[in-house]
Amino acid sequence: MNTFNKSERLNSQREIERLFREGRGFVCFPFSVKWTPANSSLSLRDSKSLPPVQILISVSKRRFKHAVDRNRAKRLTRECYRLNKQHLYDELLSAGAPPLLLSLSYVDNELPEFHQLMTKVEKLVERLIKEVSHEKAAEDCQ
């Protein structure tokens, strides 16, 4: 499952707006993370076909003036996520959590090195798992 398919990318304008309006977030430097459960109004068939996480990766034009630098930061982030997503998927599926909408925004002013970014994404995934499982536990108590 070391692929990054189109279905795993978040590109619905309505869902993106909902993610930034209703989503919970945290900062795990060099990323700002926003997440929210996927729309519960989807039919059961549609929710089964969704991947466990749909992700949006962004890099600000304000921080990197040259498109080459923005594209490199996004490419490295996508690759690090692709290599770490299986752990996230396994934890979400075992916890019975609904599909997630996730946004990773790169907020550092320096171009990342792959190995440094890899460790940051690993930490980010661990923290996201904790936050989602905490949210799920709070829902179960109500």
Protein backbone atom coordinates (compact mmCIF):
# COMPACT_ATOMS: atom_id res chain seq x y z
CA MET A 1 0.00 0.00 0.00
CA ASN A 2 2.93 2.31 -0.66
CA THR A 3 1.06 4.32 -3.24
CA PHE A 4 -0.54 7.73 -3.20
CA ASN A 5 -3.64 7.51 -5.38
CA LYS A 6 -5.82 10.32 -6.63
CA SER A 7 -8.63 9.12 -4.35
CA GLU A 8 -6.38 9.88 -1.35
CA ARG A 9 -6.02 13.53 -2.36
CA LEU A 10 -8.46 16.05 -1.03
CA ASN A 11 -9.70 18.17 -3.92
CA SER A 12 -13.37 18.85 -3.22
CA GLN A 13 -13.77 22.59 -2.63
CA ARG A 14 -16.74 21.98 -0.33
CA GLU A 15 -14.77 19.52 1.81
CA ILE A 16 -11.72 21.80 1.93
CA GLU A 17 -13.85 24.71 3.14
CA ARG A 18 -15.46 22.49 5.76
CA LEU A 19 -12.04 21.24 6.89
CA PHE A 20 -10.75 24.76 7.52
CA ARG A 21 -14.03 25.97 9.02
CA GLU A 22 -14.78 23.06 11.38
CA GLY A 23 -11.48 21.19 11.66
CA ARG A 24 -9.33 20.76 14.71
CA GLY A 25 -5.67 21.51 14.41
CA PHE A 26 -2.22 21.57 15.91
CA VAL A 27 1.29 22.61 14.93
CA CYS A 28 4.00 20.02 14.64
CA PHE A 29 6.82 22.17 13.29
CA PRO A 30 7.42 22.52 10.32
CA PHE A 31 3.76 21.63 9.66
CA SER A 32 0.45 23.14 10.59
CA VAL A 33 -2.09 20.33 10.69
CA LYS A 34 -5.87 20.54 10.37
CA TRP A 35 -8.12 17.49 10.50
CA THR A 36 -11.78 16.62 10.75
CA PRO A 37 -13.87 13.48 10.19
CA ALA A 38 -15.17 13.14 6.64
CA ASN A 39 -18.73 14.24 5.95
CA SER A 40 -21.14 11.93 7.78
CA SER A 41 -23.94 12.70 5.31
CA LEU A 42 -22.31 10.49 2.68
CA SER A 43 -24.17 7.35 1.81
CA LEU A 44 -22.84 4.11 3.25
CA ARG A 45 -21.62 2.98 -0.17
CA ASP A 46 -19.66 6.21 -0.72
CA SER A 47 -18.06 6.11 2.73
CA LYS A 48 -16.90 2.53 2.13
CA SER A 49 -15.13 3.57 -1.07
CA LEU A 50 -13.32 6.47 0.63
CA PRO A 51 -9.74 5.89 1.77
CA PRO A 52 -9.16 6.21 5.54
CA VAL A 53 -7.54 9.64 5.01
CA GLN A 54 -7.88 12.26 2.29
CA ILE A 55 -5.02 14.74 2.42
CA LEU A 56 -4.27 18.24 1.17
CA ILE A 57 -0.62 19.37 1.11
CA SER A 58 0.15 23.06 0.76
CA VAL A 59 3.19 25.32 0.78
CA SER A 60 2.77 29.07 0.98
CA LYS A 61 3.84 31.32 -1.86
CA ARG A 62 4.73 33.90 0.77
CA ARG A 63 7.42 31.63 2.22
CA PHE A 64 8.79 30.30 -1.08
CA LYS A 65 8.67 32.79 -3.93
CA HIS A 66 9.94 30.33 -6.54
CA ALA A 67 7.59 27.58 -7.73
CA VAL A 68 10.53 25.19 -7.93
CA ASP A 69 11.05 25.48 -4.18
CA ARG A 70 7.33 25.12 -3.39
CA ASN A 71 7.07 22.06 -5.59
CA ARG A 72 10.13 20.47 -3.96
CA ALA A 73 8.73 21.01 -0.47
CA LYS A 74 5.38 19.50 -1.54
CA ARG A 75 7.07 16.58 -3.28
CA LEU A 76 9.16 15.74 -0.22
CA THR A 77 6.14 16.05 2.05
CA ARG A 78 4.06 13.75 -0.17
CA GLU A 79 6.84 11.17 -0.22
CA CYS A 80 7.29 11.23 3.57
CA TYR A 81 3.54 10.92 4.06
CA ARG A 82 3.33 8.08 1.55
CA LEU A 83 5.98 6.14 3.45
CA ASN A 84 4.30 6.72 6.84
CA LYS A 85 0.60 6.51 5.99
CA GLN A 86 0.26 2.75 6.50
CA HIS A 87 0.76 3.11 10.25
CA LEU A 88 -1.92 5.82 10.33
CA TYR A 89 -4.33 3.73 8.24
CA ASP A 90 -3.84 0.66 10.44
CA GLU A 91 -4.51 2.62 13.64
CA LEU A 92 -7.59 4.36 12.24
CA LEU A 93 -9.10 1.14 10.93
CA SER A 94 -8.43 -0.76 14.16
CA ALA A 95 -9.99 2.06 16.21
CA GLY A 96 -13.05 2.13 13.97
CA ALA A 97 -12.58 5.85 13.30
CA PRO A 98 -14.44 7.44 10.38
CA PRO A 99 -12.48 8.57 7.32
CA LEU A 100 -10.50 11.76 7.93
CA LEU A 101 -9.90 14.94 5.98
CA LEU A 102 -6.35 16.15 6.62
CA SER A 103 -4.41 19.26 5.67
CA LEU A 104 -0.63 19.58 6.00
CA SER A 105 0.67 23.11 5.50
CA TYR A 106 4.44 23.56 5.43
CA VAL A 107 5.22 26.64 7.57
CA ASP A 108 9.04 26.77 7.73
CA ASN A 109 11.06 29.29 5.71
CA GLU A 110 13.84 26.83 4.87
CA LEU A 111 13.72 24.06 2.28
CA PRO A 112 13.51 20.73 4.09
CA GLU A 113 16.00 17.89 4.03
CA PHE A 114 14.37 14.51 3.39
CA HIS A 115 15.60 12.76 6.56
CA GLN A 116 14.61 15.63 8.83
CA LEU A 117 11.21 15.83 7.20
CA MET A 118 10.77 12.08 7.54
CA THR A 119 11.21 12.20 11.32
CA LYS A 120 8.82 15.16 11.58
CA VAL A 121 6.13 13.35 9.58
CA GLU A 122 6.54 10.27 11.79
CA LYS A 123 5.96 12.45 14.88
CA LEU A 124 3.04 14.16 13.17
CA VAL A 125 1.39 10.81 12.39
CA GLU A 126 1.81 9.66 16.00
CA ARG A 127 0.25 12.85 17.33
CA LEU A 128 -2.62 12.65 14.85
CA ILE A 129 -3.33 9.07 15.94
CA LYS A 130 -3.45 10.20 19.59
CA GLU A 131 -5.76 13.13 18.83
CA VAL A 132 -8.15 11.05 16.72
CA SER A 133 -8.27 8.23 19.25
CA HIS A 134 -8.88 10.78 22.03
CA GLU A 135 -11.73 12.29 20.00
CA LYS A 136 -13.16 8.82 19.35
CA ALA A 137 -12.98 7.98 23.07
CA ALA A 138 -14.78 11.22 23.94
CA GLU A 139 -17.55 10.37 21.44
CA ASP A 140 -17.97 6.90 22.90
CA CYS A 141 -18.42 8.32 26.41
CA GLN A 142 -21.32 10.54 25.38
